[in-house]
Amino acid sequence: WHYSGKNPLLVETMNYTVLKKWEETIRDQNERIIFPSIIAMRPFRDPCIVMSDMEASDDFIYHASVFLADAGEDFTGGASLFVDNVPENDIPRNKLSQGLVIEPSRGRVIISTGGEENRRCRLPTKSGIRAVLQVWWGCGDETQE
């Protein structure tokens, strides 16, 4: 997989510098407290940025998620949000007018296309560990060089 660089939202989502800065801040805070590092470090909570998979890469034609943990039992929060492609949903600060929230349940499978018709994000996980196996794939004529 390669990143084509066409979408600034993906850069914000996967910003390595922001993650490193967050890790340094937490490490500085934790140095003042005497706890084992696994207990002292707070989890990174990334924001829900609504985008289609094909905005990240043209190769992401289809997407599948297999939930490996149960909401409410293994973690709280972390639902999958699918947003309909309507003009009212284009302004991120507005209340979403159309869409679907899917609560994670162990064994549940979601399969969708990666186009604008299936813009989605993961709502923040509040506690615990949300475990999901995600797979992206494409299809069509691939030429070998």
N, C-alpha and C. Protein backbone atom coordinates (compact mmCIF):
# COMPACT_ATOMS: atom_id res chain seq x y z
N TRP A 1 0.83 -1.17 0.00
CA TRP A 1 0.00 0.00 0.00
C TRP A 1 0.87 1.23 0.00
N HIS A 2 0.47 2.24 -0.71
CA HIS A 2 1.17 3.52 -0.72
C HIS A 2 0.15 4.63 -0.53
N TYR A 3 0.60 5.72 0.10
CA TYR A 3 -0.27 6.87 0.32
C TYR A 3 -0.04 7.86 -0.79
N SER A 4 -1.10 8.20 -1.50
CA SER A 4 -0.98 9.09 -2.66
C SER A 4 -0.81 10.55 -2.26
N GLY A 5 -1.11 10.90 -1.02
CA GLY A 5 -0.93 12.28 -0.56
C GLY A 5 -2.04 13.21 -0.97
N LYS A 6 -3.16 12.66 -1.45
CA LYS A 6 -4.22 13.53 -1.96
C LYS A 6 -5.19 14.02 -0.89
N ASN A 7 -5.12 13.48 0.32
CA ASN A 7 -6.11 13.85 1.32
C ASN A 7 -5.45 14.35 2.60
N PRO A 8 -5.61 15.64 2.92
CA PRO A 8 -5.01 16.16 4.16
C PRO A 8 -5.66 15.59 5.42
N LEU A 9 -6.94 15.11 5.34
CA LEU A 9 -7.57 14.51 6.53
C LEU A 9 -6.81 13.28 6.99
N LEU A 10 -6.32 12.48 6.04
CA LEU A 10 -5.57 11.29 6.42
C LEU A 10 -4.28 11.67 7.12
N VAL A 11 -3.65 12.74 6.65
CA VAL A 11 -2.41 13.18 7.29
C VAL A 11 -2.70 13.60 8.73
N GLU A 12 -3.83 14.30 8.96
CA GLU A 12 -4.19 14.69 10.32
C GLU A 12 -4.49 13.45 11.16
N THR A 13 -5.13 12.46 10.59
CA THR A 13 -5.50 11.25 11.31
C THR A 13 -4.27 10.45 11.71
N MET A 14 -3.29 10.37 10.82
CA MET A 14 -2.11 9.53 11.05
C MET A 14 -0.87 10.38 11.33
N ASN A 15 -1.03 11.51 11.97
CA ASN A 15 0.07 12.43 12.18
C ASN A 15 1.04 11.89 13.23
N TYR A 16 2.18 11.40 12.78
CA TYR A 16 3.19 10.80 13.64
C TYR A 16 3.75 11.82 14.63
N THR A 17 3.91 13.05 14.19
CA THR A 17 4.46 14.10 15.06
C THR A 17 3.54 14.36 16.24
N VAL A 18 2.23 14.42 15.99
CA VAL A 18 1.26 14.65 17.07
C VAL A 18 1.30 13.49 18.07
N LEU A 19 1.37 12.26 17.56
CA LEU A 19 1.44 11.11 18.44
C LEU A 19 2.70 11.14 19.30
N LYS A 20 3.85 11.46 18.71
CA LYS A 20 5.10 11.53 19.47
C LYS A 20 5.05 12.63 20.52
N LYS A 21 4.48 13.77 20.17
CA LYS A 21 4.34 14.87 21.13
C LYS A 21 3.46 14.44 22.30
N TRP A 22 2.36 13.73 22.00
CA TRP A 22 1.48 13.23 23.04
C TRP A 22 2.24 12.26 23.94
N GLU A 23 3.03 11.35 23.36
CA GLU A 23 3.79 10.39 24.16
C GLU A 23 4.79 11.10 25.07
N GLU A 24 5.46 12.14 24.56
CA GLU A 24 6.41 12.89 25.37
C GLU A 24 5.70 13.59 26.53
N THR A 25 4.55 14.18 26.25
CA THR A 25 3.79 14.88 27.30
C THR A 25 3.39 13.92 28.41
N ILE A 26 2.87 12.76 28.02
CA ILE A 26 2.45 11.77 29.01
C ILE A 26 3.66 11.26 29.79
N ARG A 27 4.76 11.02 29.09
CA ARG A 27 5.96 10.54 29.75
C ARG A 27 6.45 11.56 30.79
N ASP A 28 6.43 12.86 30.42
CA ASP A 28 6.83 13.91 31.36
C ASP A 28 5.92 13.93 32.58
N GLN A 29 4.61 13.80 32.35
CA GLN A 29 3.66 13.78 33.46
C GLN A 29 3.89 12.56 34.35
N ASN A 30 4.14 11.43 33.73
CA ASN A 30 4.30 10.19 34.48
C ASN A 30 5.61 10.10 35.24
N GLU A 31 6.61 10.87 34.83
CA GLU A 31 7.87 10.86 35.57
C GLU A 31 7.70 11.44 36.97
N ARG A 32 6.69 12.27 37.14
CA ARG A 32 6.43 12.85 38.45
C ARG A 32 5.66 11.90 39.36
N ILE A 33 5.09 10.84 38.77
CA ILE A 33 4.31 9.85 39.52
C ILE A 33 5.07 8.52 39.48
N ILE A 34 5.10 7.82 40.59
CA ILE A 34 5.79 6.55 40.63
C ILE A 34 4.78 5.42 40.43
N PHE A 35 4.61 5.02 39.18
CA PHE A 35 3.77 3.89 38.78
C PHE A 35 4.52 3.10 37.72
N PRO A 36 4.23 1.83 37.57
CA PRO A 36 4.77 1.12 36.42
C PRO A 36 4.24 1.78 35.14
N SER A 37 5.03 1.83 34.08
CA SER A 37 4.65 2.57 32.88
C SER A 37 3.36 2.07 32.25
N ILE A 38 3.05 0.80 32.35
CA ILE A 38 1.82 0.29 31.74
C ILE A 38 0.58 0.84 32.44
N ILE A 39 0.68 1.13 33.72
CA ILE A 39 -0.45 1.68 34.46
C ILE A 39 -0.51 3.20 34.31
N ALA A 40 0.64 3.86 34.27
CA ALA A 40 0.68 5.31 34.28
C ALA A 40 0.30 5.93 32.94
N MET A 41 0.53 5.26 31.85
CA MET A 41 0.29 5.86 30.54
C MET A 41 -1.20 5.84 30.20
N ARG A 42 -1.74 7.02 29.89
CA ARG A 42 -3.13 7.11 29.50
C ARG A 42 -3.28 6.73 28.03
N PRO A 43 -4.40 6.11 27.64
CA PRO A 43 -4.56 5.71 26.24
C PRO A 43 -4.72 6.91 25.32
N PHE A 44 -4.26 6.76 24.09
CA PHE A 44 -4.40 7.80 23.07
C PHE A 44 -5.80 7.72 22.50
N ARG A 45 -6.54 8.80 22.55
CA ARG A 45 -7.91 8.84 22.03
C ARG A 45 -7.94 9.74 20.80
N ASP A 46 -7.95 9.12 19.64
CA ASP A 46 -7.98 9.92 18.43
C ASP A 46 -9.41 10.33 18.10
N PRO A 47 -9.59 11.45 17.40
CA PRO A 47 -10.93 11.96 17.12
C PRO A 47 -11.62 11.16 16.01
N CYS A 48 -12.92 11.30 15.94
CA CYS A 48 -13.72 10.69 14.88
C CYS A 48 -13.65 11.61 13.66
N ILE A 49 -12.88 11.24 12.66
CA ILE A 49 -12.78 12.02 11.43
C ILE A 49 -13.51 11.23 10.35
N VAL A 50 -14.63 11.77 9.90
CA VAL A 50 -15.47 11.08 8.93
C VAL A 50 -14.84 11.19 7.54
N MET A 51 -14.57 10.02 6.94
CA MET A 51 -14.02 10.01 5.58
C MET A 51 -14.29 8.64 4.96
N SER A 52 -14.23 8.60 3.64
CA SER A 52 -14.39 7.31 2.95
C SER A 52 -13.02 6.66 2.83
N ASP A 53 -13.01 5.35 2.68
CA ASP A 53 -11.74 4.63 2.56
C ASP A 53 -10.99 5.03 1.29
N MET A 54 -11.73 5.30 0.21
CA MET A 54 -11.07 5.66 -1.04
C MET A 54 -10.46 7.05 -1.00
N GLU A 55 -10.80 7.87 -0.01
CA GLU A 55 -10.11 9.14 0.19
C GLU A 55 -8.68 8.88 0.65
N ALA A 56 -8.47 7.79 1.36
CA ALA A 56 -7.13 7.42 1.83
C ALA A 56 -6.32 6.80 0.70
N SER A 57 -6.93 5.91 -0.07
CA SER A 57 -6.24 5.25 -1.17
C SER A 57 -7.26 4.74 -2.17
N ASP A 58 -6.97 4.90 -3.45
CA ASP A 58 -7.86 4.39 -4.49
C ASP A 58 -7.92 2.87 -4.49
N ASP A 59 -6.98 2.22 -3.80
CA ASP A 59 -6.95 0.76 -3.72
C ASP A 59 -7.97 0.20 -2.73
N PHE A 60 -8.53 1.04 -1.87
CA PHE A 60 -9.45 0.58 -0.83
C PHE A 60 -10.89 0.56 -1.37
N ILE A 61 -11.18 -0.39 -2.26
CA ILE A 61 -12.50 -0.48 -2.89
C ILE A 61 -13.53 -1.06 -1.92
N TYR A 62 -13.11 -2.05 -1.14
CA TYR A 62 -14.00 -2.69 -0.17
C TYR A 62 -13.33 -2.70 1.21
N HIS A 63 -14.18 -2.76 2.25
CA HIS A 63 -13.69 -2.76 3.63
C HIS A 63 -14.51 -3.77 4.43
N ALA A 64 -13.83 -4.49 5.32
CA ALA A 64 -14.52 -5.40 6.23
C ALA A 64 -13.98 -5.20 7.64
N SER A 65 -14.87 -5.19 8.61
CA SER A 65 -14.49 -5.14 10.02
C SER A 65 -15.08 -6.35 10.71
N VAL A 66 -14.26 -7.05 11.49
CA VAL A 66 -14.73 -8.16 12.31
C VAL A 66 -14.46 -7.77 13.75
N PHE A 67 -15.51 -7.63 14.55
CA PHE A 67 -15.35 -7.21 15.93
C PHE A 67 -14.90 -8.40 16.78
N LEU A 68 -13.84 -8.19 17.55
CA LEU A 68 -13.26 -9.24 18.38
C LEU A 68 -13.55 -9.04 19.86
N ALA A 69 -14.26 -7.96 20.19
CA ALA A 69 -14.58 -7.65 21.59
C ALA A 69 -16.01 -7.12 21.66
N ASP A 70 -16.61 -7.21 22.83
CA ASP A 70 -17.98 -6.75 23.05
C ASP A 70 -18.00 -5.38 23.71
N ALA A 71 -18.82 -4.48 23.15
CA ALA A 71 -19.02 -3.18 23.79
C ALA A 71 -19.78 -3.40 25.09
N GLY A 72 -19.40 -2.67 26.13
CA GLY A 72 -20.05 -2.81 27.43
C GLY A 72 -19.39 -3.86 28.30
N GLU A 73 -18.83 -4.90 27.69
CA GLU A 73 -18.16 -5.95 28.45
C GLU A 73 -16.64 -5.74 28.45
N ASP A 74 -16.06 -5.55 27.25
CA ASP A 74 -14.61 -5.39 27.13
C ASP A 74 -14.18 -3.92 27.04
N PHE A 75 -15.09 -3.06 26.64
CA PHE A 75 -14.79 -1.63 26.48
C PHE A 75 -16.09 -0.84 26.44
N THR A 76 -15.98 0.48 26.58
CA THR A 76 -17.14 1.36 26.42
C THR A 76 -16.85 2.36 25.33
N GLY A 77 -17.92 2.79 24.64
CA GLY A 77 -17.75 3.69 23.50
C GLY A 77 -17.34 2.88 22.28
N GLY A 78 -16.71 3.56 21.30
CA GLY A 78 -16.12 2.88 20.17
C GLY A 78 -17.07 2.34 19.13
N ALA A 79 -18.28 2.87 19.05
CA ALA A 79 -19.22 2.42 18.02
C ALA A 79 -18.74 2.87 16.65
N SER A 80 -19.18 2.17 15.61
CA SER A 80 -18.85 2.55 14.23
C SER A 80 -19.96 3.46 13.71
N LEU A 81 -19.56 4.58 13.15
CA LEU A 81 -20.51 5.57 12.64
C LEU A 81 -20.39 5.61 11.12
N PHE A 82 -21.49 5.32 10.43
CA PHE A 82 -21.56 5.45 8.98
C PHE A 82 -22.44 6.66 8.68
N VAL A 83 -21.94 7.57 7.86
CA VAL A 83 -22.64 8.83 7.57
C VAL A 83 -23.11 8.82 6.13
N ASP A 84 -24.39 9.12 5.91
CA ASP A 84 -24.91 9.18 4.55
C ASP A 84 -24.31 10.35 3.80
N ASN A 85 -24.18 10.19 2.50
CA ASN A 85 -23.58 11.22 1.64
C ASN A 85 -24.66 12.23 1.23
N VAL A 86 -25.03 13.10 2.17
CA VAL A 86 -26.00 14.16 1.91
C VAL A 86 -25.35 15.50 2.25
N PRO A 87 -25.74 16.59 1.58
CA PRO A 87 -25.09 17.89 1.82
C PRO A 87 -25.11 18.35 3.28
N GLU A 88 -26.16 17.99 4.04
CA GLU A 88 -26.27 18.42 5.43
C GLU A 88 -25.14 17.85 6.29
N ASN A 89 -24.56 16.73 5.88
CA ASN A 89 -23.50 16.08 6.66
C ASN A 89 -22.10 16.57 6.27
N ASP A 90 -21.98 17.49 5.32
CA ASP A 90 -20.67 17.92 4.85
C ASP A 90 -19.94 18.86 5.82
N ILE A 91 -20.69 19.55 6.68
CA ILE A 91 -20.07 20.48 7.63
C ILE A 91 -19.87 19.73 8.94
N PRO A 92 -18.59 19.46 9.32
CA PRO A 92 -18.33 18.59 10.47
C PRO A 92 -18.92 19.07 11.79
N ARG A 93 -19.08 20.37 11.99
CA ARG A 93 -19.57 20.88 13.27
C ARG A 93 -21.09 20.75 13.41
N ASN A 94 -21.79 20.51 12.29
CA ASN A 94 -23.24 20.36 12.33
C ASN A 94 -23.62 19.01 12.93
N LYS A 95 -24.84 18.95 13.44
CA LYS A 95 -25.39 17.67 13.88
C LYS A 95 -25.63 16.83 12.63
N LEU A 96 -25.24 15.56 12.68
CA LEU A 96 -25.43 14.69 11.53
C LEU A 96 -26.92 14.48 11.30
N SER A 97 -27.33 14.57 10.02
CA SER A 97 -28.76 14.45 9.73
C SER A 97 -29.16 13.03 9.32
N GLN A 98 -28.24 12.29 8.71
CA GLN A 98 -28.57 10.93 8.28
C GLN A 98 -27.36 10.04 8.46
N GLY A 99 -27.59 8.83 8.94
CA GLY A 99 -26.49 7.91 9.11
C GLY A 99 -26.91 6.73 9.97
N LEU A 100 -25.90 5.96 10.38
CA LEU A 100 -26.16 4.73 11.11
C LEU A 100 -25.04 4.51 12.12
N VAL A 101 -25.40 4.15 13.35
CA VAL A 101 -24.42 3.79 14.38
C VAL A 101 -24.52 2.29 14.60
N ILE A 102 -23.37 1.61 14.49
CA ILE A 102 -23.34 0.16 14.69
C ILE A 102 -22.54 -0.13 15.96
N GLU A 103 -23.22 -0.71 16.94
CA GLU A 103 -22.57 -1.06 18.19
C GLU A 103 -21.72 -2.32 18.00
N PRO A 104 -20.48 -2.31 18.48
CA PRO A 104 -19.63 -3.49 18.35
C PRO A 104 -20.15 -4.66 19.18
N SER A 105 -20.08 -5.83 18.61
CA SER A 105 -20.46 -7.07 19.29
C SER A 105 -19.54 -8.16 18.77
N ARG A 106 -18.93 -8.93 19.67
CA ARG A 106 -17.97 -9.95 19.28
C ARG A 106 -18.56 -10.84 18.19
N GLY A 107 -17.83 -10.97 17.08
CA GLY A 107 -18.26 -11.79 15.96
C GLY A 107 -19.04 -11.04 14.89
N ARG A 108 -19.47 -9.83 15.17
CA ARG A 108 -20.21 -9.05 14.17
C ARG A 108 -19.27 -8.67 13.03
N VAL A 109 -19.76 -8.77 11.80
CA VAL A 109 -18.97 -8.44 10.61
C VAL A 109 -19.68 -7.32 9.85
N ILE A 110 -18.91 -6.31 9.46
CA ILE A 110 -19.43 -5.22 8.63
C ILE A 110 -18.62 -5.24 7.34
N ILE A 111 -19.30 -5.28 6.21
CA ILE A 111 -18.64 -5.21 4.90
C ILE A 111 -19.27 -4.05 4.15
N SER A 112 -18.42 -3.17 3.60
CA SER A 112 -18.93 -2.01 2.87
C SER A 112 -17.99 -1.65 1.73
N THR A 113 -18.53 -0.86 0.80
CA THR A 113 -17.67 -0.31 -0.25
C THR A 113 -16.91 0.87 0.33
N GLY A 114 -15.83 1.26 -0.32
CA GLY A 114 -14.98 2.32 0.21
C GLY A 114 -15.27 3.70 -0.34
N GLY A 115 -16.35 3.86 -1.10
CA GLY A 115 -16.65 5.13 -1.74
C GLY A 115 -17.33 6.14 -0.84
N GLU A 116 -17.68 7.28 -1.42
CA GLU A 116 -18.33 8.38 -0.70
C GLU A 116 -19.67 7.96 -0.09
N GLU A 117 -20.29 6.92 -0.64
CA GLU A 117 -21.57 6.46 -0.11
C GLU A 117 -21.43 5.82 1.27
N ASN A 118 -20.20 5.51 1.69
CA ASN A 118 -19.96 4.88 2.99
C ASN A 118 -18.87 5.61 3.77
N ARG A 119 -19.07 6.91 3.94
CA ARG A 119 -18.14 7.64 4.80
C ARG A 119 -18.37 7.16 6.23
N ARG A 120 -17.28 6.99 6.97
CA ARG A 120 -17.43 6.40 8.30
C ARG A 120 -16.31 6.86 9.21
N CYS A 121 -16.48 6.57 10.49
CA CYS A 121 -15.43 6.77 11.48
C CYS A 121 -15.75 5.90 12.69
N ARG A 122 -14.80 5.83 13.59
CA ARG A 122 -14.99 5.11 14.85
C ARG A 122 -15.16 6.16 15.93
N LEU A 123 -16.24 6.06 16.68
CA LEU A 123 -16.43 6.99 17.79
C LEU A 123 -15.40 6.67 18.87
N PRO A 124 -14.99 7.65 19.66
CA PRO A 124 -13.92 7.42 20.65
C PRO A 124 -14.26 6.30 21.64
N THR A 125 -13.26 5.51 21.95
CA THR A 125 -13.37 4.47 22.97
C THR A 125 -13.11 5.13 24.32
N LYS A 126 -14.03 4.98 25.26
CA LYS A 126 -13.90 5.66 26.55
C LYS A 126 -13.09 4.86 27.56
N SER A 127 -13.21 3.54 27.53
CA SER A 127 -12.43 2.71 28.44
C SER A 127 -12.29 1.32 27.84
N GLY A 128 -11.27 0.60 28.27
CA GLY A 128 -11.03 -0.75 27.78
C GLY A 128 -10.32 -0.76 26.44
N ILE A 129 -10.31 -1.92 25.81
CA ILE A 129 -9.64 -2.09 24.52
C ILE A 129 -10.66 -2.58 23.51
N ARG A 130 -10.83 -1.80 22.44
CA ARG A 130 -11.72 -2.14 21.34
C ARG A 130 -10.90 -2.91 20.31
N ALA A 131 -11.15 -4.20 20.16
CA ALA A 131 -10.38 -5.03 19.24
C ALA A 131 -11.21 -5.33 17.99
N VAL A 132 -10.64 -4.94 16.83
CA VAL A 132 -11.32 -5.13 15.56
C VAL A 132 -10.29 -5.56 14.51
N LEU A 133 -10.61 -6.57 13.75
CA LEU A 133 -9.80 -6.96 12.60
C LEU A 133 -10.37 -6.24 11.40
N GLN A 134 -9.55 -5.41 10.74
CA GLN A 134 -10.02 -4.66 9.58
C GLN A 134 -9.22 -5.07 8.36
N VAL A 135 -9.93 -5.24 7.24
CA VAL A 135 -9.30 -5.64 5.98
C VAL A 135 -9.83 -4.74 4.88
N TRP A 136 -8.92 -4.27 4.02
CA TRP A 136 -9.29 -3.50 2.84
C TRP A 136 -8.80 -4.25 1.62
N TRP A 137 -9.56 -4.22 0.54
CA TRP A 137 -9.11 -4.86 -0.69
C TRP A 137 -9.75 -4.18 -1.89
N GLY A 138 -9.17 -4.43 -3.05
CA GLY A 138 -9.68 -3.91 -4.30
C GLY A 138 -9.91 -5.06 -5.26
N CYS A 139 -10.39 -4.73 -6.43
CA CYS A 139 -10.58 -5.73 -7.45
C CYS A 139 -10.46 -5.05 -8.80
N GLY A 140 -10.32 -5.82 -9.84
CA GLY A 140 -10.23 -5.25 -11.16
C GLY A 140 -9.00 -5.76 -11.89
N ASP A 141 -8.72 -5.14 -13.01
CA ASP A 141 -7.58 -5.53 -13.84
C ASP A 141 -6.30 -4.95 -13.27
N GLU A 142 -5.45 -5.82 -12.80
CA GLU A 142 -4.14 -5.42 -12.30
C GLU A 142 -3.11 -5.85 -13.36
N THR A 143 -2.32 -4.92 -13.80
CA THR A 143 -1.29 -5.27 -14.77
C THR A 143 0.01 -5.54 -14.07
N GLN A 144 0.68 -6.59 -14.46
CA GLN A 144 1.97 -6.93 -13.88
C GLN A 144 3.07 -6.36 -14.76
N GLU A 145 4.08 -5.81 -14.12
CA GLU A 145 5.19 -5.23 -14.88
C GLU A 145 6.39 -6.13 -14.86
